[in-house]
N, C-alpha and C. Protein backbone atom coordinates (compact mmCIF):
# COMPACT_ATOMS: atom_id res chain seq x y z
N MET A 1 25.40 15.40 9.35
CA MET A 1 24.07 15.35 10.01
C MET A 1 23.84 13.97 10.58
N THR A 2 23.60 13.88 11.85
CA THR A 2 23.33 12.58 12.45
C THR A 2 21.88 12.13 12.13
N PHE A 3 21.63 10.84 12.53
CA PHE A 3 20.36 10.18 12.37
C PHE A 3 19.34 10.94 13.20
N ARG A 4 19.61 11.30 14.33
CA ARG A 4 18.73 12.04 15.25
C ARG A 4 18.40 13.37 14.68
N GLU A 5 19.39 14.10 14.20
CA GLU A 5 19.07 15.34 13.72
C GLU A 5 18.21 15.33 12.35
N THR A 6 18.38 14.31 11.54
CA THR A 6 17.51 14.16 10.50
C THR A 6 16.07 13.83 10.87
N ILE A 7 15.79 12.94 11.93
CA ILE A 7 14.57 12.75 12.38
C ILE A 7 13.87 14.02 12.93
N ILE A 8 14.70 14.90 13.70
CA ILE A 8 14.03 16.03 14.16
C ILE A 8 13.77 17.01 13.08
N THR A 9 14.55 17.09 12.08
CA THR A 9 14.38 18.01 11.02
C THR A 9 13.05 17.49 10.17
N ALA A 10 12.78 16.28 9.94
CA ALA A 10 11.75 15.65 9.29
C ALA A 10 10.43 16.12 10.11
N PHE A 11 10.45 15.87 11.46
CA PHE A 11 9.31 16.27 12.25
C PHE A 11 8.90 17.65 12.14
N GLN A 12 10.03 18.43 12.12
CA GLN A 12 9.74 19.97 12.12
C GLN A 12 9.11 20.37 10.70
N SER A 13 9.56 19.62 9.68
CA SER A 13 9.01 19.98 8.34
C SER A 13 7.46 19.52 8.33
N LEU A 14 7.18 18.42 8.94
CA LEU A 14 5.79 17.91 9.06
C LEU A 14 4.98 18.92 9.82
N LYS A 15 5.51 19.46 10.91
CA LYS A 15 4.75 20.42 11.62
C LYS A 15 4.49 21.79 10.96
N MET A 16 5.46 22.18 10.14
CA MET A 16 5.39 23.40 9.49
C MET A 16 4.48 23.38 8.27
N ASN A 17 4.33 22.27 7.62
CA ASN A 17 3.47 22.12 6.38
C ASN A 17 2.40 20.93 6.55
N PRO A 18 1.44 21.12 7.47
CA PRO A 18 0.53 20.09 7.78
C PRO A 18 -0.32 19.69 6.50
N LYS A 19 -0.73 20.64 5.80
CA LYS A 19 -1.66 20.36 4.67
C LYS A 19 -0.74 19.60 3.59
N ARG A 20 0.41 19.97 3.27
CA ARG A 20 1.24 19.39 2.27
C ARG A 20 1.52 17.89 2.69
N SER A 21 1.80 17.79 3.98
CA SER A 21 2.06 16.44 4.57
C SER A 21 0.89 15.56 4.46
N PHE A 22 -0.32 16.11 4.82
CA PHE A 22 -1.48 15.28 4.72
C PHE A 22 -1.75 14.88 3.26
N MET A 23 -1.58 15.74 2.28
CA MET A 23 -1.82 15.40 0.90
C MET A 23 -0.89 14.42 0.40
N THR A 24 0.39 14.52 0.81
CA THR A 24 1.43 13.60 0.36
C THR A 24 0.99 12.20 0.89
N ILE A 25 0.63 12.08 2.28
CA ILE A 25 0.24 10.84 2.80
C ILE A 25 -0.97 10.23 2.08
N ILE A 26 -1.90 11.05 1.85
CA ILE A 26 -3.09 10.56 1.05
C ILE A 26 -2.69 10.14 -0.42
N GLY A 27 -1.78 10.76 -1.02
CA GLY A 27 -1.27 10.35 -2.39
C GLY A 27 -0.56 9.01 -2.28
N ILE A 28 0.27 8.82 -1.23
CA ILE A 28 0.91 7.55 -1.10
C ILE A 28 -0.04 6.36 -0.82
N VAL A 29 -1.05 6.55 0.03
CA VAL A 29 -2.01 5.60 0.31
C VAL A 29 -2.71 5.26 -0.94
N ILE A 30 -3.24 6.18 -1.72
CA ILE A 30 -4.04 5.96 -2.91
C ILE A 30 -3.07 5.17 -3.98
N GLY A 31 -1.82 5.53 -4.10
CA GLY A 31 -0.94 4.86 -5.03
C GLY A 31 -0.73 3.43 -4.71
N ILE A 32 -0.44 3.10 -3.33
CA ILE A 32 -0.23 1.71 -2.84
C ILE A 32 -1.54 0.89 -3.02
N ALA A 33 -2.64 1.50 -2.61
CA ALA A 33 -3.95 0.85 -2.85
C ALA A 33 -4.18 0.45 -4.32
N SER A 34 -3.84 1.34 -5.24
CA SER A 34 -4.20 1.08 -6.62
C SER A 34 -3.20 -0.06 -7.18
N VAL A 35 -1.88 -0.03 -6.75
CA VAL A 35 -1.01 -1.06 -7.13
C VAL A 35 -1.53 -2.46 -6.58
N ILE A 36 -1.90 -2.60 -5.32
CA ILE A 36 -2.42 -3.66 -4.87
C ILE A 36 -3.71 -4.23 -5.64
N THR A 37 -4.48 -3.29 -5.84
CA THR A 37 -5.75 -3.61 -6.60
C THR A 37 -5.46 -4.12 -7.89
N ILE A 38 -4.65 -3.50 -8.67
CA ILE A 38 -4.21 -4.05 -10.01
C ILE A 38 -3.72 -5.31 -9.95
N MET A 39 -2.69 -5.58 -9.00
CA MET A 39 -2.11 -6.92 -8.95
C MET A 39 -3.16 -8.00 -8.58
N ALA A 40 -4.03 -7.70 -7.69
CA ALA A 40 -5.11 -8.59 -7.22
C ALA A 40 -5.98 -9.01 -8.42
N ILE A 41 -6.33 -7.97 -9.27
CA ILE A 41 -7.19 -8.20 -10.45
C ILE A 41 -6.44 -9.15 -11.33
N GLY A 42 -5.17 -8.77 -11.69
CA GLY A 42 -4.25 -9.53 -12.53
C GLY A 42 -4.20 -10.99 -12.12
N ASN A 43 -3.99 -11.22 -10.80
CA ASN A 43 -3.88 -12.58 -10.30
C ASN A 43 -5.20 -13.33 -10.40
N GLY A 44 -6.22 -12.67 -10.19
CA GLY A 44 -7.70 -13.24 -10.34
C GLY A 44 -7.97 -13.67 -11.82
N VAL A 45 -7.66 -12.81 -12.75
CA VAL A 45 -7.72 -13.26 -14.18
C VAL A 45 -6.86 -14.32 -14.51
N ASN A 46 -5.64 -14.34 -14.02
CA ASN A 46 -4.63 -15.37 -14.33
C ASN A 46 -5.27 -16.83 -13.81
N GLN A 47 -5.77 -16.78 -12.61
CA GLN A 47 -6.35 -17.97 -11.97
C GLN A 47 -7.56 -18.44 -12.73
N MET A 48 -8.42 -17.47 -13.17
CA MET A 48 -9.64 -17.87 -13.95
C MET A 48 -9.19 -18.45 -15.36
N ALA A 49 -8.31 -17.89 -16.00
CA ALA A 49 -7.68 -18.42 -17.19
C ALA A 49 -7.24 -19.78 -16.96
N LYS A 50 -6.45 -19.99 -16.01
CA LYS A 50 -5.85 -21.29 -15.76
C LYS A 50 -7.04 -22.33 -15.44
N SER A 51 -8.07 -21.98 -14.75
CA SER A 51 -9.08 -22.86 -14.44
C SER A 51 -9.86 -23.22 -15.61
N GLN A 52 -9.91 -22.38 -16.68
CA GLN A 52 -10.70 -22.69 -17.88
C GLN A 52 -9.86 -23.56 -18.87
N PHE A 53 -8.62 -23.56 -18.89
CA PHE A 53 -7.72 -24.38 -19.64
C PHE A 53 -7.50 -25.65 -18.96
N LYS A 54 -8.44 -26.49 -18.77
CA LYS A 54 -8.24 -27.74 -18.26
C LYS A 54 -7.97 -28.75 -19.31
N THR A 55 -7.07 -29.69 -18.96
CA THR A 55 -6.74 -30.75 -19.94
C THR A 55 -7.76 -31.89 -19.77
N SER A 56 -8.37 -32.31 -20.93
CA SER A 56 -9.22 -33.37 -20.74
C SER A 56 -8.44 -34.69 -21.03
N LYS A 57 -9.15 -35.83 -20.93
CA LYS A 57 -8.43 -37.22 -20.94
C LYS A 57 -7.77 -37.34 -22.31
N SER A 58 -8.37 -36.77 -23.43
CA SER A 58 -7.85 -36.95 -24.75
C SER A 58 -6.69 -35.90 -25.05
N GLY A 59 -6.38 -35.02 -24.09
CA GLY A 59 -5.29 -34.10 -24.30
C GLY A 59 -5.70 -32.87 -24.87
N GLU A 60 -7.05 -32.64 -25.17
CA GLU A 60 -7.40 -31.40 -25.75
C GLU A 60 -7.61 -30.30 -24.69
N LEU A 61 -7.18 -29.06 -25.20
CA LEU A 61 -7.44 -27.93 -24.31
C LEU A 61 -8.91 -27.30 -24.52
N LYS A 62 -9.65 -26.99 -23.60
CA LYS A 62 -10.92 -26.45 -23.82
C LYS A 62 -11.04 -25.17 -23.00
N ALA A 63 -11.65 -24.12 -23.67
CA ALA A 63 -11.88 -22.81 -22.98
C ALA A 63 -13.20 -22.19 -23.51
N GLN A 64 -13.90 -21.60 -22.60
CA GLN A 64 -15.19 -20.99 -23.01
C GLN A 64 -15.00 -19.45 -23.07
N ILE A 65 -15.29 -18.82 -24.20
CA ILE A 65 -15.15 -17.41 -24.37
C ILE A 65 -16.45 -16.74 -24.62
N ASP A 66 -16.85 -15.87 -23.71
CA ASP A 66 -18.13 -15.07 -23.85
C ASP A 66 -17.81 -13.76 -24.40
N PHE A 67 -18.57 -13.30 -25.48
CA PHE A 67 -18.33 -11.94 -25.87
C PHE A 67 -19.66 -11.39 -26.12
N THR A 68 -19.92 -10.17 -25.59
CA THR A 68 -21.13 -9.34 -25.96
C THR A 68 -20.88 -7.97 -26.48
N SER A 69 -21.33 -7.78 -27.61
CA SER A 69 -21.11 -6.46 -28.32
C SER A 69 -22.04 -5.42 -27.82
N ASP A 70 -21.66 -4.24 -27.54
CA ASP A 70 -22.56 -3.10 -27.11
C ASP A 70 -22.81 -2.25 -28.25
N THR A 71 -22.34 -2.43 -29.44
CA THR A 71 -22.53 -1.56 -30.48
C THR A 71 -23.52 -2.18 -31.45
N ASP A 72 -24.41 -1.35 -32.06
CA ASP A 72 -25.38 -1.79 -33.02
C ASP A 72 -24.71 -1.93 -34.41
N ALA A 73 -25.03 -2.97 -35.18
CA ALA A 73 -24.49 -3.12 -36.52
C ALA A 73 -25.61 -2.40 -37.50
N GLY A 74 -25.34 -1.33 -37.81
CA GLY A 74 -26.32 -0.69 -38.66
C GLY A 74 -26.36 0.76 -38.82
C-alpha cells in the first residue's frame, strides 16, 4: 500500500465514522491540554520554591511555609 492509498483510506474512514472521529479528536485535544497544564503547574511550583530558597549573606537557607488546616480538632 502506497502513501497515497493510505491517505485516501484514512479520509474515507473519517467520512464513514464522523462521530467517532470527532470524539477521538476531542479526546486527543483534552489529553494534550491536560499534559501541558500539569507541566505548567509543575514548572510554576518549581520556580516558586526556588525563589523562596534564597541564600542570605551568612549562607543560611530561608523558606516560608504556610499551612492551614481545614479540620477541627475535637
